[in-house]
Amino acid sequence: MDAVLRRYLGAYPDHLQAQVRGLVEQGRLEEHLKRRYPGSHQVQSDGALHEYVQELKQAHMRSAPPLHKVQFQNKMDVLQNVLGLHTAISRIQGAKLKAKAEIRVSGLFKELAPEFLEMVVVHELAHLREREHNKAFYQLCRHMLPDYHQVEFDLRLVLLQRALPSASAEA
């Protein structure tokens, strides 16, 4: 369990890791997450996701470049922490260089609480302005979602919970 815990929470302080370890050992992590994030959302199709992302973009980043494609992607490697992907594809059209921005979101977010979907979309939208994960990037994320860091931490807990062997496998 320690290796899995370090994989998802290794950058966090020891006291937080110890709290999470306690929840896992007591079998209460899943209950804690369900209590904290009880909701579900209706964003289940690529069209609904596109509309959702455009609404967030319009509310927070009107002057950002347009998005040409937004979709769920079921084959993202969640184990490698690829939960969303922002790409900019440049093409030469005549004498002009045209860029098309795309956002892909792991299909995992169809089944998670709406807060997690919002967090990953905010993260990918922030990449429209800031390519690197730097101070300006995280300031932009917090501008769009003030509790961004808490939701990101809790998403790590969800991924940790999913990576742990189930109680039935241990019996």
N, C-alpha and C. Protein backbone atom coordinates (compact mmCIF):
# COMPACT_ATOMS: atom_id res chain seq x y z
N MET A 1 0.82 -1.19 0.00
CA MET A 1 0.00 0.00 0.00
C MET A 1 0.87 1.26 0.00
N ASP A 2 2.02 1.22 0.67
CA ASP A 2 2.86 2.41 0.75
C ASP A 2 3.33 2.89 -0.62
N ALA A 3 3.65 1.95 -1.50
CA ALA A 3 4.11 2.33 -2.84
C ALA A 3 2.98 3.03 -3.61
N VAL A 4 1.76 2.53 -3.48
CA VAL A 4 0.62 3.13 -4.15
C VAL A 4 0.35 4.51 -3.55
N LEU A 5 0.43 4.62 -2.25
CA LEU A 5 0.22 5.89 -1.57
C LEU A 5 1.25 6.92 -2.04
N ARG A 6 2.51 6.52 -2.08
CA ARG A 6 3.57 7.44 -2.54
C ARG A 6 3.35 7.87 -3.99
N ARG A 7 2.86 6.95 -4.79
CA ARG A 7 2.63 7.24 -6.21
C ARG A 7 1.65 8.39 -6.40
N TYR A 8 0.59 8.41 -5.59
CA TYR A 8 -0.43 9.43 -5.74
C TYR A 8 -0.23 10.63 -4.83
N LEU A 9 0.44 10.43 -3.69
CA LEU A 9 0.55 11.52 -2.72
C LEU A 9 1.99 11.82 -2.31
N GLY A 10 2.95 11.31 -3.05
CA GLY A 10 4.35 11.44 -2.68
C GLY A 10 4.84 12.87 -2.51
N ALA A 11 4.25 13.82 -3.20
CA ALA A 11 4.69 15.21 -3.11
C ALA A 11 4.06 15.96 -1.94
N TYR A 12 3.14 15.31 -1.24
CA TYR A 12 2.44 15.96 -0.14
C TYR A 12 3.17 15.70 1.18
N PRO A 13 2.96 16.58 2.18
CA PRO A 13 3.64 16.43 3.47
C PRO A 13 3.30 15.09 4.17
N ASP A 14 4.22 14.65 4.99
CA ASP A 14 4.07 13.37 5.69
C ASP A 14 2.80 13.30 6.52
N HIS A 15 2.43 14.43 7.17
CA HIS A 15 1.24 14.38 8.03
C HIS A 15 -0.03 14.13 7.21
N LEU A 16 -0.10 14.65 5.99
CA LEU A 16 -1.26 14.37 5.14
C LEU A 16 -1.26 12.92 4.68
N GLN A 17 -0.09 12.43 4.32
CA GLN A 17 0.02 11.03 3.92
C GLN A 17 -0.39 10.11 5.07
N ALA A 18 -0.01 10.48 6.28
CA ALA A 18 -0.37 9.67 7.46
C ALA A 18 -1.89 9.67 7.67
N GLN A 19 -2.53 10.83 7.48
CA GLN A 19 -3.99 10.89 7.63
C GLN A 19 -4.67 9.98 6.60
N VAL A 20 -4.20 10.04 5.37
CA VAL A 20 -4.79 9.22 4.32
C VAL A 20 -4.52 7.74 4.61
N ARG A 21 -3.31 7.42 5.04
CA ARG A 21 -2.98 6.03 5.38
C ARG A 21 -3.94 5.52 6.45
N GLY A 22 -4.24 6.36 7.44
CA GLY A 22 -5.19 5.99 8.49
C GLY A 22 -6.57 5.70 7.93
N LEU A 23 -7.05 6.55 7.01
CA LEU A 23 -8.35 6.31 6.39
C LEU A 23 -8.36 5.00 5.61
N VAL A 24 -7.26 4.73 4.90
CA VAL A 24 -7.18 3.49 4.12
C VAL A 24 -7.16 2.28 5.04
N GLU A 25 -6.33 2.33 6.07
CA GLU A 25 -6.22 1.19 6.99
C GLU A 25 -7.52 0.91 7.72
N GLN A 26 -8.29 1.96 7.99
CA GLN A 26 -9.58 1.79 8.66
C GLN A 26 -10.70 1.47 7.66
N GLY A 27 -10.37 1.45 6.37
CA GLY A 27 -11.38 1.17 5.35
C GLY A 27 -12.39 2.28 5.19
N ARG A 28 -11.99 3.52 5.48
CA ARG A 28 -12.93 4.65 5.46
C ARG A 28 -12.68 5.65 4.34
N LEU A 29 -11.70 5.42 3.48
CA LEU A 29 -11.38 6.40 2.43
C LEU A 29 -12.54 6.55 1.45
N GLU A 30 -13.09 5.45 0.98
CA GLU A 30 -14.19 5.53 0.02
C GLU A 30 -15.40 6.24 0.63
N GLU A 31 -15.71 5.91 1.88
CA GLU A 31 -16.82 6.56 2.59
C GLU A 31 -16.57 8.06 2.72
N HIS A 32 -15.35 8.44 3.06
CA HIS A 32 -14.97 9.85 3.19
C HIS A 32 -15.20 10.59 1.88
N LEU A 33 -14.78 9.99 0.76
CA LEU A 33 -14.91 10.63 -0.54
C LEU A 33 -16.38 10.74 -0.97
N LYS A 34 -17.15 9.69 -0.72
CA LYS A 34 -18.57 9.73 -1.08
C LYS A 34 -19.33 10.78 -0.28
N ARG A 35 -18.96 10.95 0.97
CA ARG A 35 -19.59 11.96 1.81
C ARG A 35 -19.21 13.37 1.33
N ARG A 36 -17.97 13.53 0.93
CA ARG A 36 -17.48 14.84 0.50
C ARG A 36 -17.96 15.21 -0.90
N TYR A 37 -18.11 14.21 -1.77
CA TYR A 37 -18.52 14.44 -3.16
C TYR A 37 -19.68 13.51 -3.53
N PRO A 38 -20.88 13.81 -3.04
CA PRO A 38 -22.01 12.90 -3.27
C PRO A 38 -22.68 13.04 -4.64
N GLY A 39 -22.40 14.11 -5.35
CA GLY A 39 -23.15 14.41 -6.57
C GLY A 39 -22.69 13.65 -7.80
N SER A 40 -23.51 13.76 -8.84
CA SER A 40 -23.17 13.22 -10.15
C SER A 40 -23.53 14.30 -11.17
N HIS A 41 -23.15 14.10 -12.39
CA HIS A 41 -23.44 15.10 -13.42
C HIS A 41 -24.02 14.43 -14.66
N GLN A 42 -24.54 15.25 -15.55
CA GLN A 42 -25.19 14.76 -16.75
C GLN A 42 -24.30 14.86 -17.99
N VAL A 43 -23.05 15.27 -17.83
CA VAL A 43 -22.14 15.42 -18.97
C VAL A 43 -21.62 14.03 -19.34
N GLN A 44 -22.30 13.39 -20.29
CA GLN A 44 -21.96 12.01 -20.62
C GLN A 44 -21.57 11.82 -22.08
N SER A 45 -21.76 12.83 -22.91
CA SER A 45 -21.43 12.70 -24.33
C SER A 45 -20.40 13.75 -24.72
N ASP A 46 -19.78 13.54 -25.86
CA ASP A 46 -18.82 14.52 -26.35
C ASP A 46 -19.48 15.87 -26.59
N GLY A 47 -20.70 15.87 -27.09
CA GLY A 47 -21.42 17.12 -27.33
C GLY A 47 -21.68 17.87 -26.03
N ALA A 48 -22.12 17.14 -25.02
CA ALA A 48 -22.37 17.77 -23.72
C ALA A 48 -21.08 18.29 -23.11
N LEU A 49 -19.99 17.55 -23.28
CA LEU A 49 -18.69 17.99 -22.77
C LEU A 49 -18.25 19.25 -23.49
N HIS A 50 -18.41 19.29 -24.80
CA HIS A 50 -18.03 20.46 -25.58
C HIS A 50 -18.78 21.70 -25.09
N GLU A 51 -20.08 21.55 -24.89
CA GLU A 51 -20.90 22.66 -24.39
C GLU A 51 -20.44 23.09 -22.99
N TYR A 52 -20.18 22.13 -22.12
CA TYR A 52 -19.73 22.41 -20.76
C TYR A 52 -18.41 23.20 -20.78
N VAL A 53 -17.46 22.74 -21.59
CA VAL A 53 -16.15 23.39 -21.67
C VAL A 53 -16.31 24.80 -22.24
N GLN A 54 -17.14 24.96 -23.25
CA GLN A 54 -17.33 26.28 -23.86
C GLN A 54 -17.95 27.26 -22.86
N GLU A 55 -18.87 26.78 -22.02
CA GLU A 55 -19.47 27.64 -21.00
C GLU A 55 -18.41 28.11 -20.01
N LEU A 56 -17.55 27.21 -19.55
CA LEU A 56 -16.47 27.61 -18.63
C LEU A 56 -15.50 28.56 -19.32
N LYS A 57 -15.16 28.27 -20.55
CA LYS A 57 -14.24 29.13 -21.30
C LYS A 57 -14.84 30.52 -21.46
N GLN A 58 -16.11 30.59 -21.80
CA GLN A 58 -16.78 31.88 -21.98
C GLN A 58 -16.84 32.67 -20.67
N ALA A 59 -17.03 31.98 -19.57
CA ALA A 59 -17.13 32.64 -18.27
C ALA A 59 -15.78 33.17 -17.78
N HIS A 60 -14.69 32.48 -18.11
CA HIS A 60 -13.40 32.83 -17.51
C HIS A 60 -12.30 33.21 -18.48
N MET A 61 -12.42 32.80 -19.74
CA MET A 61 -11.30 32.99 -20.66
C MET A 61 -11.80 33.38 -22.05
N ARG A 62 -12.58 34.43 -22.12
CA ARG A 62 -13.18 34.84 -23.40
C ARG A 62 -12.15 35.11 -24.49
N SER A 63 -11.01 35.67 -24.11
CA SER A 63 -10.03 36.07 -25.13
C SER A 63 -9.07 34.94 -25.50
N ALA A 64 -9.22 33.79 -24.88
CA ALA A 64 -8.34 32.65 -25.21
C ALA A 64 -8.67 32.15 -26.61
N PRO A 65 -7.71 31.50 -27.25
CA PRO A 65 -7.96 30.98 -28.60
C PRO A 65 -9.16 30.02 -28.61
N PRO A 66 -9.84 29.93 -29.74
CA PRO A 66 -11.01 29.04 -29.81
C PRO A 66 -10.60 27.57 -29.73
N LEU A 67 -11.53 26.77 -29.25
CA LEU A 67 -11.33 25.33 -29.20
C LEU A 67 -12.01 24.71 -30.41
N HIS A 68 -11.30 23.84 -31.10
CA HIS A 68 -11.86 23.23 -32.28
C HIS A 68 -12.42 21.84 -32.00
N LYS A 69 -11.96 21.21 -30.95
CA LYS A 69 -12.46 19.87 -30.63
C LYS A 69 -12.38 19.67 -29.11
N VAL A 70 -13.45 19.13 -28.56
CA VAL A 70 -13.50 18.76 -27.15
C VAL A 70 -14.19 17.41 -27.10
N GLN A 71 -13.55 16.44 -26.46
CA GLN A 71 -14.18 15.12 -26.40
C GLN A 71 -13.64 14.29 -25.25
N PHE A 72 -14.45 13.28 -24.89
CA PHE A 72 -13.99 12.28 -23.93
C PHE A 72 -13.09 11.31 -24.68
N GLN A 73 -12.12 10.80 -23.98
CA GLN A 73 -11.24 9.79 -24.57
C GLN A 73 -11.15 8.65 -23.57
N ASN A 74 -11.61 7.48 -23.98
CA ASN A 74 -11.67 6.34 -23.07
C ASN A 74 -10.35 5.62 -22.90
N LYS A 75 -9.40 5.85 -23.76
CA LYS A 75 -8.15 5.10 -23.68
C LYS A 75 -7.00 5.88 -23.08
N MET A 76 -7.29 6.94 -22.32
CA MET A 76 -6.21 7.67 -21.66
C MET A 76 -5.63 6.82 -20.56
N ASP A 77 -4.36 6.96 -20.33
CA ASP A 77 -3.66 6.15 -19.33
C ASP A 77 -3.78 6.79 -17.95
N VAL A 78 -4.85 6.45 -17.25
CA VAL A 78 -5.08 6.99 -15.91
C VAL A 78 -3.95 6.59 -14.97
N LEU A 79 -3.36 5.42 -15.21
CA LEU A 79 -2.27 4.98 -14.35
C LEU A 79 -1.05 5.89 -14.47
N GLN A 80 -0.88 6.55 -15.60
CA GLN A 80 0.22 7.48 -15.78
C GLN A 80 -0.23 8.91 -15.52
N ASN A 81 -1.38 9.07 -14.84
CA ASN A 81 -1.93 10.37 -14.48
C ASN A 81 -2.28 11.24 -15.68
N VAL A 82 -2.65 10.64 -16.78
CA VAL A 82 -3.13 11.40 -17.93
C VAL A 82 -4.65 11.42 -17.80
N LEU A 83 -5.16 12.53 -17.30
CA LEU A 83 -6.60 12.65 -17.05
C LEU A 83 -7.26 13.58 -18.06
N GLY A 84 -6.44 14.41 -18.64
CA GLY A 84 -6.91 15.33 -19.66
C GLY A 84 -5.73 15.66 -20.54
N LEU A 85 -6.02 16.17 -21.71
CA LEU A 85 -4.96 16.46 -22.65
C LEU A 85 -5.34 17.69 -23.45
N HIS A 86 -4.42 18.63 -23.53
CA HIS A 86 -4.62 19.82 -24.35
C HIS A 86 -3.59 19.77 -25.46
N THR A 87 -4.04 19.85 -26.68
CA THR A 87 -3.10 19.84 -27.79
C THR A 87 -3.38 21.03 -28.70
N ALA A 88 -2.34 21.51 -29.32
CA ALA A 88 -2.45 22.56 -30.33
C ALA A 88 -1.80 22.02 -31.58
N ILE A 89 -2.60 21.87 -32.61
CA ILE A 89 -2.11 21.32 -33.86
C ILE A 89 -1.97 22.48 -34.85
N SER A 90 -0.76 22.67 -35.37
CA SER A 90 -0.51 23.74 -36.33
C SER A 90 -0.46 23.15 -37.74
N ARG A 91 -1.13 23.83 -38.64
CA ARG A 91 -1.14 23.39 -40.03
C ARG A 91 -0.90 24.59 -40.93
N ILE A 92 -0.21 24.35 -42.02
CA ILE A 92 -0.01 25.41 -43.01
C ILE A 92 -1.17 25.35 -43.99
N GLN A 93 -1.85 26.49 -44.13
CA GLN A 93 -2.94 26.59 -45.10
C GLN A 93 -2.61 27.79 -45.99
N GLY A 94 -2.10 27.49 -47.17
CA GLY A 94 -1.66 28.56 -48.06
C GLY A 94 -0.45 29.25 -47.48
N ALA A 95 -0.55 30.55 -47.30
CA ALA A 95 0.56 31.33 -46.73
C ALA A 95 0.41 31.52 -45.23
N LYS A 96 -0.62 30.92 -44.65
CA LYS A 96 -0.89 31.13 -43.22
C LYS A 96 -0.65 29.87 -42.41
N LEU A 97 -0.27 30.08 -41.18
CA LEU A 97 -0.13 28.99 -40.22
C LEU A 97 -1.34 29.02 -39.32
N LYS A 98 -2.14 27.97 -39.33
CA LYS A 98 -3.35 27.92 -38.52
C LYS A 98 -3.17 26.91 -37.39
N ALA A 99 -3.58 27.31 -36.20
CA ALA A 99 -3.49 26.42 -35.03
C ALA A 99 -4.89 26.03 -34.60
N LYS A 100 -5.04 24.77 -34.27
CA LYS A 100 -6.32 24.26 -33.76
C LYS A 100 -6.07 23.68 -32.38
N ALA A 101 -6.82 24.17 -31.42
CA ALA A 101 -6.68 23.69 -30.04
C ALA A 101 -7.72 22.61 -29.77
N GLU A 102 -7.29 21.56 -29.09
CA GLU A 102 -8.17 20.45 -28.74
C GLU A 102 -8.02 20.13 -27.25
N ILE A 103 -9.11 19.72 -26.66
CA ILE A 103 -9.09 19.23 -25.28
C ILE A 103 -9.73 17.85 -25.28
N ARG A 104 -9.03 16.92 -24.66
CA ARG A 104 -9.56 15.56 -24.48
C ARG A 104 -9.57 15.28 -22.98
N VAL A 105 -10.66 14.68 -22.51
CA VAL A 105 -10.83 14.40 -21.09
C VAL A 105 -11.05 12.90 -20.93
N SER A 106 -10.39 12.31 -19.98
CA SER A 106 -10.54 10.88 -19.73
C SER A 106 -12.01 10.52 -19.50
N GLY A 107 -12.43 9.42 -20.10
CA GLY A 107 -13.79 8.93 -19.91
C GLY A 107 -14.11 8.62 -18.45
N LEU A 108 -13.09 8.45 -17.62
CA LEU A 108 -13.27 8.22 -16.19
C LEU A 108 -14.15 9.30 -15.56
N PHE A 109 -14.07 10.53 -16.07
CA PHE A 109 -14.79 11.64 -15.46
C PHE A 109 -16.29 11.59 -15.71
N LYS A 110 -16.74 10.70 -16.57
CA LYS A 110 -18.19 10.52 -16.75
C LYS A 110 -18.82 10.00 -15.48
N GLU A 111 -18.07 9.19 -14.72
CA GLU A 111 -18.63 8.55 -13.54
C GLU A 111 -18.25 9.22 -12.22
N LEU A 112 -17.39 10.23 -12.27
CA LEU A 112 -16.97 10.91 -11.04
C LEU A 112 -17.84 12.11 -10.76
N ALA A 113 -17.70 12.66 -9.56
CA ALA A 113 -18.48 13.83 -9.13
C ALA A 113 -18.20 15.03 -10.04
N PRO A 114 -19.15 15.95 -10.15
CA PRO A 114 -18.99 17.10 -11.04
C PRO A 114 -17.80 17.99 -10.69
N GLU A 115 -17.43 18.03 -9.43
CA GLU A 115 -16.27 18.85 -9.01
C GLU A 115 -15.00 18.38 -9.70
N PHE A 116 -14.87 17.08 -9.89
CA PHE A 116 -13.65 16.53 -10.52
C PHE A 116 -13.63 16.84 -12.02
N LEU A 117 -14.79 16.75 -12.66
CA LEU A 117 -14.86 17.11 -14.08
C LEU A 117 -14.50 18.59 -14.25
N GLU A 118 -15.05 19.44 -13.39
CA GLU A 118 -14.75 20.87 -13.48
C GLU A 118 -13.26 21.12 -13.28
N MET A 119 -12.65 20.43 -12.32
CA MET A 119 -11.23 20.62 -12.05
C MET A 119 -10.37 20.26 -13.25
N VAL A 120 -10.64 19.13 -13.89
CA VAL A 120 -9.81 18.72 -15.02
C VAL A 120 -10.05 19.63 -16.23
N VAL A 121 -11.26 20.09 -16.42
CA VAL A 121 -11.54 21.02 -17.52
C VAL A 121 -10.85 22.36 -17.27
N VAL A 122 -10.92 22.86 -16.05
CA VAL A 122 -10.22 24.11 -15.69
C VAL A 122 -8.72 23.94 -15.95
N HIS A 123 -8.18 22.80 -15.56
CA HIS A 123 -6.76 22.53 -15.77
C HIS A 123 -6.40 22.61 -17.26
N GLU A 124 -7.20 21.95 -18.08
CA GLU A 124 -6.91 21.94 -19.52
C GLU A 124 -7.15 23.31 -20.15
N LEU A 125 -8.17 24.02 -19.71
CA LEU A 125 -8.39 25.37 -20.22
C LEU A 125 -7.22 26.29 -19.87
N ALA A 126 -6.68 26.15 -18.68
CA ALA A 126 -5.55 26.99 -18.27
C ALA A 126 -4.37 26.80 -19.21
N HIS A 127 -4.26 25.61 -19.80
CA HIS A 127 -3.17 25.36 -20.74
C HIS A 127 -3.34 26.16 -22.04
N LEU A 128 -4.50 26.71 -22.29
CA LEU A 128 -4.66 27.58 -23.46
C LEU A 128 -3.79 28.82 -23.33
N ARG A 129 -3.59 29.26 -22.09
CA ARG A 129 -2.77 30.45 -21.84
C ARG A 129 -1.38 30.12 -21.34
N GLU A 130 -1.27 29.13 -20.51
CA GLU A 130 0.01 28.77 -19.89
C GLU A 130 0.34 27.32 -20.21
N ARG A 131 1.38 27.10 -20.96
CA ARG A 131 1.75 25.72 -21.33
C ARG A 131 2.35 24.95 -20.17
N GLU A 132 3.14 25.60 -19.36
CA GLU A 132 3.85 24.95 -18.25
C GLU A 132 3.01 24.98 -16.97
N HIS A 133 3.31 24.04 -16.08
CA HIS A 133 2.69 24.04 -14.75
C HIS A 133 3.51 24.96 -13.85
N ASN A 134 3.33 26.26 -14.03
CA ASN A 134 4.09 27.23 -13.25
C ASN A 134 3.14 28.04 -12.36
N LYS A 135 3.68 29.05 -11.70
CA LYS A 135 2.89 29.85 -10.78
C LYS A 135 1.71 30.52 -11.48
N ALA A 136 1.94 31.07 -12.66
CA ALA A 136 0.86 31.72 -13.41
C ALA A 136 -0.23 30.72 -13.79
N PHE A 137 0.18 29.51 -14.14
CA PHE A 137 -0.79 28.46 -14.50
C PHE A 137 -1.72 28.18 -13.32
N TYR A 138 -1.14 27.95 -12.14
CA TYR A 138 -1.98 27.62 -10.98
C TYR A 138 -2.79 28.82 -10.50
N GLN A 139 -2.29 30.03 -10.69
CA GLN A 139 -3.10 31.21 -10.36
C GLN A 139 -4.33 31.27 -11.26
N LEU A 140 -4.15 30.94 -12.52
CA LEU A 140 -5.27 30.92 -13.45
C LEU A 140 -6.27 29.83 -13.07
N CYS A 141 -5.77 28.67 -12.69
CA CYS A 141 -6.66 27.58 -12.24
C CYS A 141 -7.47 28.03 -11.02
N ARG A 142 -6.81 28.68 -10.06
CA ARG A 142 -7.52 29.14 -8.85
C ARG A 142 -8.49 30.28 -9.18
N HIS A 143 -8.19 31.07 -10.19
CA HIS A 143 -9.12 32.13 -10.61
C HIS A 143 -10.42 31.49 -11.12
N MET A 144 -10.30 30.42 -11.89
CA MET A 144 -11.48 29.76 -12.45
C MET A 144 -12.17 28.85 -11.43
N LEU A 145 -11.40 28.28 -10.52
CA LEU A 145 -11.92 27.35 -9.52
C LEU A 145 -11.17 27.60 -8.22
N PRO A 146 -11.72 28.45 -7.35
CA PRO A 146 -10.97 28.86 -6.14
C PRO A 146 -10.45 27.71 -5.27
N ASP A 147 -11.17 26.60 -5.19
CA ASP A 147 -10.68 25.46 -4.38
C ASP A 147 -10.00 24.41 -5.26
N TYR A 148 -9.38 24.85 -6.33
CA TYR A 148 -8.71 23.96 -7.28
C TYR A 148 -7.78 22.98 -6.59
N HIS A 149 -6.92 23.46 -5.70
CA HIS A 149 -5.92 22.57 -5.08
C HIS A 149 -6.56 21.50 -4.20
N GLN A 150 -7.64 21.85 -3.50
CA GLN A 150 -8.33 20.86 -2.68
C GLN A 150 -8.97 19.78 -3.54
N VAL A 151 -9.61 20.19 -4.62
CA VAL A 151 -10.27 19.23 -5.51
C VAL A 151 -9.22 18.35 -6.19
N GLU A 152 -8.08 18.94 -6.56
CA GLU A 152 -7.01 18.15 -7.17
C GLU A 152 -6.49 17.11 -6.17
N PHE A 153 -6.31 17.50 -4.92
CA PHE A 153 -5.87 16.56 -3.89
C PHE A 153 -6.89 15.44 -3.72
N ASP A 154 -8.16 15.82 -3.65
CA ASP A 154 -9.21 14.82 -3.47
C ASP A 154 -9.32 13.89 -4.69
N LEU A 155 -9.04 14.40 -5.87
CA LEU A 155 -9.01 13.54 -7.05
C LEU A 155 -7.89 12.52 -6.92
N ARG A 156 -6.77 12.93 -6.37
CA ARG A 156 -5.68 11.98 -6.12
C ARG A 156 -6.14 10.89 -5.15
N LEU A 157 -6.97 11.27 -4.18
CA LEU A 157 -7.51 10.28 -3.24
C LEU A 157 -8.44 9.31 -3.97
N VAL A 158 -9.23 9.81 -4.90
CA VAL A 158 -10.12 8.94 -5.69
C VAL A 158 -9.27 7.95 -6.48
N LEU A 159 -8.23 8.45 -7.13
CA LEU A 159 -7.37 7.57 -7.93
C LEU A 159 -6.65 6.56 -7.03
N LEU A 160 -6.24 7.00 -5.85
CA LEU A 160 -5.63 6.09 -4.89
C LEU A 160 -6.62 5.00 -4.49
N GLN A 161 -7.84 5.38 -4.18
CA GLN A 161 -8.87 4.41 -3.79
C GLN A 161 -9.09 3.39 -4.90
N ARG A 162 -9.10 3.85 -6.13
CA ARG A 162 -9.32 2.94 -7.26
C ARG A 162 -8.13 2.02 -7.48
N ALA A 163 -6.93 2.46 -7.09
CA ALA A 163 -5.72 1.67 -7.30
C ALA A 163 -5.48 0.63 -6.19
N LEU A 164 -6.14 0.82 -5.05
CA LEU A 164 -5.95 -0.12 -3.95
C LEU A 164 -6.66 -1.43 -4.22
N PRO A 165 -6.08 -2.52 -3.76
CA PRO A 165 -6.79 -3.81 -3.90
C PRO A 165 -8.11 -3.75 -3.14
N SER A 166 -9.15 -4.31 -3.71
CA SER A 166 -10.45 -4.28 -3.03
C SER A 166 -10.45 -5.25 -1.86
N ALA A 167 -11.35 -5.00 -0.94
CA ALA A 167 -11.45 -5.85 0.25
C ALA A 167 -11.73 -7.30 -0.14
N SER A 168 -12.52 -7.49 -1.21
CA SER A 168 -12.84 -8.87 -1.62
C SER A 168 -11.61 -9.59 -2.17
N ALA A 169 -10.68 -8.85 -2.78
CA ALA A 169 -9.45 -9.47 -3.30
C ALA A 169 -8.52 -9.88 -2.18
N GLU A 170 -8.63 -9.17 -1.04
CA GLU A 170 -7.75 -9.48 0.10
C GLU A 170 -8.23 -10.69 0.88
N ALA A 171 -9.53 -10.97 0.83
CA ALA A 171 -10.10 -12.07 1.63
C ALA A 171 -9.74 -13.43 1.08
